[in-house]
Amino acid sequence: TPEQGAERVEFILRAPPRYGRAITLLCWMLA
């Protein structure tokens, strides 16, 4: 339902980022 969909949107937004700061910095350097 749209109500469930709105709740799922909030769950997606609150999820922590998949990649941490260390691997992100490594990819800045590699790129």
PDB file of all heavy atoms in Angstrom:
ATOM      1  N   THR A   1       0.837  -1.194   0.000  1.00  0.00           N
ATOM      2  CA  THR A   1       0.000   0.000   0.000  1.00  0.00           C
ATOM      3  C   THR A   1       0.878   1.253   0.000  1.00  0.00           C
ATOM      4  O   THR A   1       2.069   1.195   0.346  1.00  0.00           O
ATOM      5  CB  THR A   1      -0.915   0.022   1.226  1.00  0.00           C
ATOM      6  OG1 THR A   1      -0.095   0.120   2.406  1.00  0.00           O
ATOM      7  CG2 THR A   1      -1.753  -1.245   1.290  1.00  0.00           C
ATOM      8  N   PRO A   2       0.311   2.408  -0.386  1.00  0.00           N
ATOM      9  CA  PRO A   2       1.088   3.652  -0.293  1.00  0.00           C
ATOM     10  C   PRO A   2       1.585   3.946   1.118  1.00  0.00           C
ATOM     11  O   PRO A   2       2.687   4.494   1.278  1.00  0.00           O
ATOM     12  CB  PRO A   2       0.093   4.717  -0.777  1.00  0.00           C
ATOM     13  CG  PRO A   2      -0.850   3.985  -1.671  1.00  0.00           C
ATOM     14  CD  PRO A   2      -0.979   2.623  -1.057  1.00  0.00           C
ATOM     15  N   GLU A   3       0.782   3.600   2.148  1.00  0.00           N
ATOM     16  CA  GLU A   3       1.239   3.820   3.522  1.00  0.00           C
ATOM     17  C   GLU A   3       2.493   3.004   3.805  1.00  0.00           C
ATOM     18  O   GLU A   3       3.473   3.495   4.386  1.00  0.00           O
ATOM     19  CB  GLU A   3       0.143   3.450   4.517  1.00  0.00           C
ATOM     20  CG  GLU A   3      -1.086   4.347   4.442  1.00  0.00           C
ATOM     21  CD  GLU A   3      -2.132   3.783   3.495  1.00  0.00           C
ATOM     22  OE1 GLU A   3      -1.757   3.040   2.556  1.00  0.00           O
ATOM     23  OE2 GLU A   3      -3.314   4.086   3.692  1.00  0.00           O
ATOM     24  N   GLN A   4       2.475   1.733   3.394  1.00  0.00           N
ATOM     25  CA  GLN A   4       3.660   0.895   3.576  1.00  0.00           C
ATOM     26  C   GLN A   4       4.828   1.410   2.743  1.00  0.00           C
ATOM     27  O   GLN A   4       5.992   1.344   3.167  1.00  0.00           O
ATOM     28  CB  GLN A   4       3.336  -0.549   3.201  1.00  0.00           C
ATOM     29  CG  GLN A   4       2.324  -1.214   4.121  1.00  0.00           C
ATOM     30  CD  GLN A   4       1.874  -2.569   3.606  1.00  0.00           C
ATOM     31  OE1 GLN A   4       1.792  -2.793   2.392  1.00  0.00           O
ATOM     32  NE2 GLN A   4       1.589  -3.493   4.520  1.00  0.00           N
ATOM     33  N   GLY A   5       4.517   1.921   1.555  1.00  0.00           N
ATOM     34  CA  GLY A   5       5.562   2.472   0.701  1.00  0.00           C
ATOM     35  C   GLY A   5       6.244   3.665   1.337  1.00  0.00           C
ATOM     36  O   GLY A   5       7.479   3.790   1.283  1.00  0.00           O
ATOM     37  N   ALA A   6       5.476   4.558   1.957  1.00  0.00           N
ATOM     38  CA  ALA A   6       6.061   5.724   2.625  1.00  0.00           C
ATOM     39  C   ALA A   6       6.974   5.285   3.773  1.00  0.00           C
ATOM     40  O   ALA A   6       8.047   5.872   3.988  1.00  0.00           O
ATOM     41  CB  ALA A   6       4.958   6.647   3.135  1.00  0.00           C
ATOM     42  N   GLU A   7       6.567   4.241   4.504  1.00  0.00           N
ATOM     43  CA  GLU A   7       7.412   3.730   5.588  1.00  0.00           C
ATOM     44  C   GLU A   7       8.702   3.138   5.033  1.00  0.00           C
ATOM     45  O   GLU A   7       9.780   3.312   5.621  1.00  0.00           O
ATOM     46  CB  GLU A   7       6.653   2.694   6.393  1.00  0.00           C
ATOM     47  CG  GLU A   7       5.456   3.249   7.167  1.00  0.00           C
ATOM     48  CD  GLU A   7       4.686   2.163   7.891  1.00  0.00           C
ATOM     49  OE1 GLU A   7       5.086   0.983   7.758  1.00  0.00           O
ATOM     50  OE2 GLU A   7       3.705   2.493   8.588  1.00  0.00           O
ATOM     51  N   ARG A   8       8.596   2.445   3.908  1.00  0.00           N
ATOM     52  CA  ARG A   8       9.785   1.852   3.291  1.00  0.00           C
ATOM     53  C   ARG A   8      10.738   2.932   2.798  1.00  0.00           C
ATOM     54  O   ARG A   8      11.965   2.749   2.843  1.00  0.00           O
ATOM     55  CB  ARG A   8       9.371   0.943   2.144  1.00  0.00           C
ATOM     56  CG  ARG A   8       8.720  -0.366   2.555  1.00  0.00           C
ATOM     57  CD  ARG A   8       9.747  -1.484   2.655  1.00  0.00           C
ATOM     58  NE  ARG A   8      10.383  -1.717   1.384  1.00  0.00           N
ATOM     59  CZ  ARG A   8       9.883  -2.493   0.420  1.00  0.00           C
ATOM     60  NH1 ARG A   8       8.721  -3.124   0.609  1.00  0.00           N
ATOM     61  NH2 ARG A   8      10.540  -2.673  -0.707  1.00  0.00           N
ATOM     62  N   VAL A   9      10.210   4.040   2.295  1.00  0.00           N
ATOM     63  CA  VAL A   9      11.075   5.147   1.859  1.00  0.00           C
ATOM     64  C   VAL A   9      11.913   5.637   3.031  1.00  0.00           C
ATOM     65  O   VAL A   9      13.132   5.848   2.909  1.00  0.00           O
ATOM     66  CB  VAL A   9      10.240   6.295   1.261  1.00  0.00           C
ATOM     67  CG1 VAL A   9      11.119   7.529   1.039  1.00  0.00           C
ATOM     68  CG2 VAL A   9       9.606   5.880  -0.055  1.00  0.00           C
ATOM     69  N   GLU A  10      11.272   5.824   4.182  1.00  0.00           N
ATOM     70  CA  GLU A  10      12.004   6.281   5.360  1.00  0.00           C
ATOM     71  C   GLU A  10      13.059   5.263   5.791  1.00  0.00           C
ATOM     72  O   GLU A  10      14.162   5.633   6.207  1.00  0.00           O
ATOM     73  CB  GLU A  10      11.029   6.541   6.517  1.00  0.00           C
ATOM     74  CG  GLU A  10      10.019   7.629   6.251  1.00  0.00           C
ATOM     75  CD  GLU A  10      10.684   8.965   6.006  1.00  0.00           C
ATOM     76  OE1 GLU A  10      11.793   9.199   6.544  1.00  0.00           O
ATOM     77  OE2 GLU A  10      10.124   9.781   5.247  1.00  0.00           O
ATOM     78  N   PHE A  11      12.739   3.982   5.681  1.00  0.00           N
ATOM     79  CA  PHE A  11      13.702   2.937   6.036  1.00  0.00           C
ATOM     80  C   PHE A  11      14.908   2.986   5.102  1.00  0.00           C
ATOM     81  O   PHE A  11      16.059   2.841   5.547  1.00  0.00           O
ATOM     82  CB  PHE A  11      13.022   1.564   5.958  1.00  0.00           C
ATOM     83  CG  PHE A  11      13.953   0.419   6.232  1.00  0.00           C
ATOM     84  CD1 PHE A  11      14.335   0.104   7.530  1.00  0.00           C
ATOM     85  CD2 PHE A  11      14.454  -0.344   5.187  1.00  0.00           C
ATOM     86  CE1 PHE A  11      15.204  -0.952   7.780  1.00  0.00           C
ATOM     87  CE2 PHE A  11      15.317  -1.402   5.424  1.00  0.00           C
ATOM     88  CZ  PHE A  11      15.692  -1.704   6.731  1.00  0.00           C
ATOM     89  N   ILE A  12      14.675   3.191   3.806  1.00  0.00           N
ATOM     90  CA  ILE A  12      15.777   3.275   2.845  1.00  0.00           C
ATOM     91  C   ILE A  12      16.662   4.491   3.139  1.00  0.00           C
ATOM     92  O   ILE A  12      17.893   4.414   3.076  1.00  0.00           O
ATOM     93  CB  ILE A  12      15.214   3.339   1.406  1.00  0.00           C
ATOM     94  CG1 ILE A  12      14.547   2.005   1.040  1.00  0.00           C
ATOM     95  CG2 ILE A  12      16.315   3.674   0.404  1.00  0.00           C
ATOM     96  CD1 ILE A  12      13.814   2.026  -0.280  1.00  0.00           C
ATOM     97  N   LEU A  13      16.040   5.613   3.476  1.00  0.00           N
ATOM     98  CA  LEU A  13      16.808   6.830   3.735  1.00  0.00           C
ATOM     99  C   LEU A  13      17.628   6.717   5.014  1.00  0.00           C
ATOM    100  O   LEU A  13      18.708   7.317   5.124  1.00  0.00           O
ATOM    101  CB  LEU A  13      15.871   8.031   3.823  1.00  0.00           C
ATOM    102  CG  LEU A  13      15.091   8.383   2.546  1.00  0.00           C
ATOM    103  CD1 LEU A  13      14.217   9.603   2.778  1.00  0.00           C
ATOM    104  CD2 LEU A  13      16.047   8.631   1.392  1.00  0.00           C
ATOM    105  N   ARG A  14      17.125   5.983   5.998  1.00  0.00           N
ATOM    106  CA  ARG A  14      17.831   5.875   7.275  1.00  0.00           C
ATOM    107  C   ARG A  14      18.932   4.822   7.265  1.00  0.00           C
ATOM    108  O   ARG A  14      19.740   4.773   8.197  1.00  0.00           O
ATOM    109  CB  ARG A  14      16.845   5.537   8.396  1.00  0.00           C
ATOM    110  CG  ARG A  14      15.932   6.682   8.803  1.00  0.00           C
ATOM    111  CD  ARG A  14      15.272   6.381  10.143  1.00  0.00           C
ATOM    112  NE  ARG A  14      14.545   5.121  10.110  1.00  0.00           N
ATOM    113  CZ  ARG A  14      13.238   5.009   9.840  1.00  0.00           C
ATOM    114  NH1 ARG A  14      12.532   6.096   9.566  1.00  0.00           N
ATOM    115  NH2 ARG A  14      12.656   3.823   9.841  1.00  0.00           N
ATOM    116  N   ALA A  15      18.983   3.995   6.254  1.00  0.00           N
ATOM    117  CA  ALA A  15      19.987   2.933   6.205  1.00  0.00           C
ATOM    118  C   ALA A  15      21.392   3.533   6.160  1.00  0.00           C
ATOM    119  O   ALA A  15      21.628   4.528   5.468  1.00  0.00           O
ATOM    120  CB  ALA A  15      19.751   2.044   4.991  1.00  0.00           C
ATOM    121  N   PRO A  16      22.344   2.969   6.890  1.00  0.00           N
ATOM    122  CA  PRO A  16      23.713   3.503   6.870  1.00  0.00           C
ATOM    123  C   PRO A  16      24.355   3.288   5.507  1.00  0.00           C
ATOM    124  O   PRO A  16      23.972   2.377   4.759  1.00  0.00           O
ATOM    125  CB  PRO A  16      24.413   2.683   7.961  1.00  0.00           C
ATOM    126  CG  PRO A  16      23.631   1.413   8.041  1.00  0.00           C
ATOM    127  CD  PRO A  16      22.204   1.787   7.743  1.00  0.00           C
ATOM    128  N   PRO A  17      25.313   4.119   5.146  1.00  0.00           N
ATOM    129  CA  PRO A  17      25.992   3.936   3.858  1.00  0.00           C
ATOM    130  C   PRO A  17      26.708   2.596   3.802  1.00  0.00           C
ATOM    131  O   PRO A  17      27.241   2.112   4.804  1.00  0.00           O
ATOM    132  CB  PRO A  17      26.976   5.112   3.803  1.00  0.00           C
ATOM    133  CG  PRO A  17      27.132   5.556   5.214  1.00  0.00           C
ATOM    134  CD  PRO A  17      25.844   5.255   5.901  1.00  0.00           C
ATOM    135  N   ARG A  18      26.707   2.005   2.619  1.00  0.00           N
ATOM    136  CA  ARG A  18      27.309   0.677   2.484  1.00  0.00           C
ATOM    137  C   ARG A  18      28.823   0.733   2.652  1.00  0.00           C
ATOM    138  O   ARG A  18      29.434  -0.167   3.242  1.00  0.00           O
ATOM    139  CB  ARG A  18      26.951   0.086   1.112  1.00  0.00           C
ATOM    140  CG  ARG A  18      27.598  -1.274   0.848  1.00  0.00           C
ATOM    141  CD  ARG A  18      27.148  -1.847  -0.463  1.00  0.00           C
ATOM    142  NE  ARG A  18      25.752  -2.246  -0.404  1.00  0.00           N
ATOM    143  CZ  ARG A  18      25.326  -3.416   0.076  1.00  0.00           C
ATOM    144  NH1 ARG A  18      26.198  -4.283   0.587  1.00  0.00           N
ATOM    145  NH2 ARG A  18      24.049  -3.711   0.063  1.00  0.00           N
ATOM    146  N   TYR A  19      29.445   1.760   2.118  1.00  0.00           N
ATOM    147  CA  TYR A  19      30.903   1.830   2.131  1.00  0.00           C
ATOM    148  C   TYR A  19      31.362   2.847   3.173  1.00  0.00           C
ATOM    149  O   TYR A  19      30.834   3.951   3.270  1.00  0.00           O
ATOM    150  CB  TYR A  19      31.438   2.211   0.754  1.00  0.00           C
ATOM    151  CG  TYR A  19      30.977   1.268  -0.334  1.00  0.00           C
ATOM    152  CD1 TYR A  19      29.974   1.636  -1.225  1.00  0.00           C
ATOM    153  CD2 TYR A  19      31.540   0.006  -0.459  1.00  0.00           C
ATOM    154  CE1 TYR A  19      29.548   0.773  -2.223  1.00  0.00           C
ATOM    155  CE2 TYR A  19      31.116  -0.869  -1.447  1.00  0.00           C
ATOM    156  CZ  TYR A  19      30.117  -0.484  -2.330  1.00  0.00           C
ATOM    157  OH  TYR A  19      29.694  -1.342  -3.294  1.00  0.00           O
ATOM    158  N   GLY A  20      32.375   2.463   3.956  1.00  0.00           N
ATOM    159  CA  GLY A  20      32.891   3.326   4.999  1.00  0.00           C
ATOM    160  C   GLY A  20      33.809   4.409   4.465  1.00  0.00           C
ATOM    161  O   GLY A  20      34.115   4.473   3.257  1.00  0.00           O
ATOM    162  N   ARG A  21      34.279   5.240   5.361  1.00  0.00           N
ATOM    163  CA  ARG A  21      35.129   6.371   4.970  1.00  0.00           C
ATOM    164  C   ARG A  21      36.475   5.906   4.422  1.00  0.00           C
ATOM    165  O   ARG A  21      37.011   6.498   3.483  1.00  0.00           O
ATOM    166  CB  ARG A  21      35.342   7.293   6.166  1.00  0.00           C
ATOM    167  CG  ARG A  21      34.072   8.000   6.635  1.00  0.00           C
ATOM    168  CD  ARG A  21      34.360   8.873   7.840  1.00  0.00           C
ATOM    169  NE  ARG A  21      33.153   9.578   8.275  1.00  0.00           N
ATOM    170  CZ  ARG A  21      32.792  10.776   7.829  1.00  0.00           C
ATOM    171  NH1 ARG A  21      33.570  11.409   6.954  1.00  0.00           N
ATOM    172  NH2 ARG A  21      31.693  11.353   8.271  1.00  0.00           N
ATOM    173  N   ALA A  22      37.028   4.852   4.992  1.00  0.00           N
ATOM    174  CA  ALA A  22      38.361   4.400   4.574  1.00  0.00           C
ATOM    175  C   ALA A  22      38.352   3.916   3.127  1.00  0.00           C
ATOM    176  O   ALA A  22      39.195   4.315   2.312  1.00  0.00           O
ATOM    177  CB  ALA A  22      38.862   3.300   5.507  1.00  0.00           C
ATOM    178  N   ILE A  23      37.390   3.059   2.770  1.00  0.00           N
ATOM    179  CA  ILE A  23      37.351   2.547   1.402  1.00  0.00           C
ATOM    180  C   ILE A  23      36.962   3.651   0.415  1.00  0.00           C
ATOM    181  O   ILE A  23      37.421   3.669  -0.730  1.00  0.00           O
ATOM    182  CB  ILE A  23      36.388   1.344   1.298  1.00  0.00           C
ATOM    183  CG1 ILE A  23      36.552   0.667  -0.061  1.00  0.00           C
ATOM    184  CG2 ILE A  23      34.946   1.782   1.512  1.00  0.00           C
ATOM    185  CD1 ILE A  23      35.778  -0.620  -0.191  1.00  0.00           C
ATOM    186  N   THR A  24      36.170   4.614   0.868  1.00  0.00           N
ATOM    187  CA  THR A  24      35.834   5.736  -0.011  1.00  0.00           C
ATOM    188  C   THR A  24      37.061   6.574  -0.324  1.00  0.00           C
ATOM    189  O   THR A  24      37.296   6.972  -1.471  1.00  0.00           O
ATOM    190  CB  THR A  24      34.747   6.605   0.642  1.00  0.00           C
ATOM    191  OG1 THR A  24      33.591   5.800   0.896  1.00  0.00           O
ATOM    192  CG2 THR A  24      34.356   7.754  -0.269  1.00  0.00           C
ATOM    193  N   LEU A  25      37.883   6.849   0.692  1.00  0.00           N
ATOM    194  CA  LEU A  25      39.117   7.601   0.469  1.00  0.00           C
ATOM    195  C   LEU A  25      40.063   6.832  -0.447  1.00  0.00           C
ATOM    196  O   LEU A  25      40.736   7.420  -1.305  1.00  0.00           O
ATOM    197  CB  LEU A  25      39.795   7.895   1.799  1.00  0.00           C
ATOM    198  CG  LEU A  25      39.127   8.949   2.687  1.00  0.00           C
ATOM    199  CD1 LEU A  25      39.863   9.056   4.016  1.00  0.00           C
ATOM    200  CD2 LEU A  25      39.101  10.297   1.990  1.00  0.00           C
ATOM    201  N   LEU A  26      40.132   5.518  -0.270  1.00  0.00           N
ATOM    202  CA  LEU A  26      40.976   4.702  -1.145  1.00  0.00           C
ATOM    203  C   LEU A  26      40.533   4.833  -2.597  1.00  0.00           C
ATOM    204  O   LEU A  26      41.366   4.925  -3.509  1.00  0.00           O
ATOM    205  CB  LEU A  26      40.929   3.244  -0.690  1.00  0.00           C
ATOM    206  CG  LEU A  26      41.678   2.232  -1.564  1.00  0.00           C
ATOM    207  CD1 LEU A  26      43.174   2.530  -1.573  1.00  0.00           C
ATOM    208  CD2 LEU A  26      41.416   0.811  -1.084  1.00  0.00           C
ATOM    209  N   CYS A  27      39.223   4.876  -2.811  1.00  0.00           N
ATOM    210  CA  CYS A  27      38.712   4.982  -4.183  1.00  0.00           C
ATOM    211  C   CYS A  27      38.922   6.376  -4.761  1.00  0.00           C
ATOM    212  O   CYS A  27      39.071   6.526  -5.977  1.00  0.00           O
ATOM    213  CB  CYS A  27      37.239   4.595  -4.209  1.00  0.00           C
ATOM    214  SG  CYS A  27      36.974   2.834  -3.965  1.00  0.00           S
ATOM    215  N   TRP A  28      38.924   7.414  -3.920  1.00  0.00           N
ATOM    216  CA  TRP A  28      39.335   8.740  -4.400  1.00  0.00           C
ATOM    217  C   TRP A  28      40.743   8.656  -4.991  1.00  0.00           C
ATOM    218  O   TRP A  28      41.004   9.170  -6.086  1.00  0.00           O
ATOM    219  CB  TRP A  28      39.313   9.746  -3.248  1.00  0.00           C
ATOM    220  CG  TRP A  28      37.998  10.385  -2.956  1.00  0.00           C
ATOM    221  CD1 TRP A  28      36.963   9.835  -2.284  1.00  0.00           C
ATOM    222  CD2 TRP A  28      37.575  11.721  -3.301  1.00  0.00           C
ATOM    223  NE1 TRP A  28      35.917  10.740  -2.189  1.00  0.00           N
ATOM    224  CE2 TRP A  28      36.282  11.896  -2.797  1.00  0.00           C
ATOM    225  CE3 TRP A  28      38.196  12.766  -3.971  1.00  0.00           C
ATOM    226  CZ2 TRP A  28      35.560  13.077  -2.962  1.00  0.00           C
ATOM    227  CZ3 TRP A  28      37.498  13.961  -4.136  1.00  0.00           C
ATOM    228  CH2 TRP A  28      36.202  14.114  -3.643  1.00  0.00           C
ATOM    229  N   MET A  29      41.635   8.024  -4.268  1.00  0.00           N
ATOM    230  CA  MET A  29      43.028   7.927  -4.704  1.00  0.00           C
ATOM    231  C   MET A  29      43.167   7.057  -5.950  1.00  0.00           C
ATOM    232  O   MET A  29      43.874   7.413  -6.907  1.00  0.00           O
ATOM    233  CB  MET A  29      43.875   7.369  -3.560  1.00  0.00           C
ATOM    234  CG  MET A  29      45.350   7.276  -3.876  1.00  0.00           C
ATOM    235  SD  MET A  29      46.336   6.775  -2.429  1.00  0.00           S
ATOM    236  CE  MET A  29      45.673   5.133  -2.143  1.00  0.00           C
ATOM    237  N   LEU A  30      42.473   5.913  -5.966  1.00  0.00           N
ATOM    238  CA  LEU A  30      42.575   5.012  -7.114  1.00  0.00           C
ATOM    239  C   LEU A  30      41.995   5.636  -8.376  1.00  0.00           C
ATOM    240  O   LEU A  30      42.554   5.479  -9.467  1.00  0.00           O
ATOM    241  CB  LEU A  30      41.850   3.699  -6.799  1.00  0.00           C
ATOM    242  CG  LEU A  30      42.476   2.812  -5.722  1.00  0.00           C
ATOM    243  CD1 LEU A  30      41.611   1.591  -5.473  1.00  0.00           C
ATOM    244  CD2 LEU A  30      43.886   2.400  -6.116  1.00  0.00           C
ATOM    245  N   ALA A  31      40.879   6.349  -8.246  1.00  0.00           N
ATOM    246  CA  ALA A  31      40.271   6.977  -9.417  1.00  0.00           C
ATOM    247  C   ALA A  31      41.212   8.004 -10.041  1.00  0.00           C
ATOM    248  O   ALA A  31      41.348   8.086 -11.264  1.00  0.00           O
ATOM    249  CB  ALA A  31      38.947   7.644  -9.025  1.00  0.00           C
TER     250      ALA A  31
END
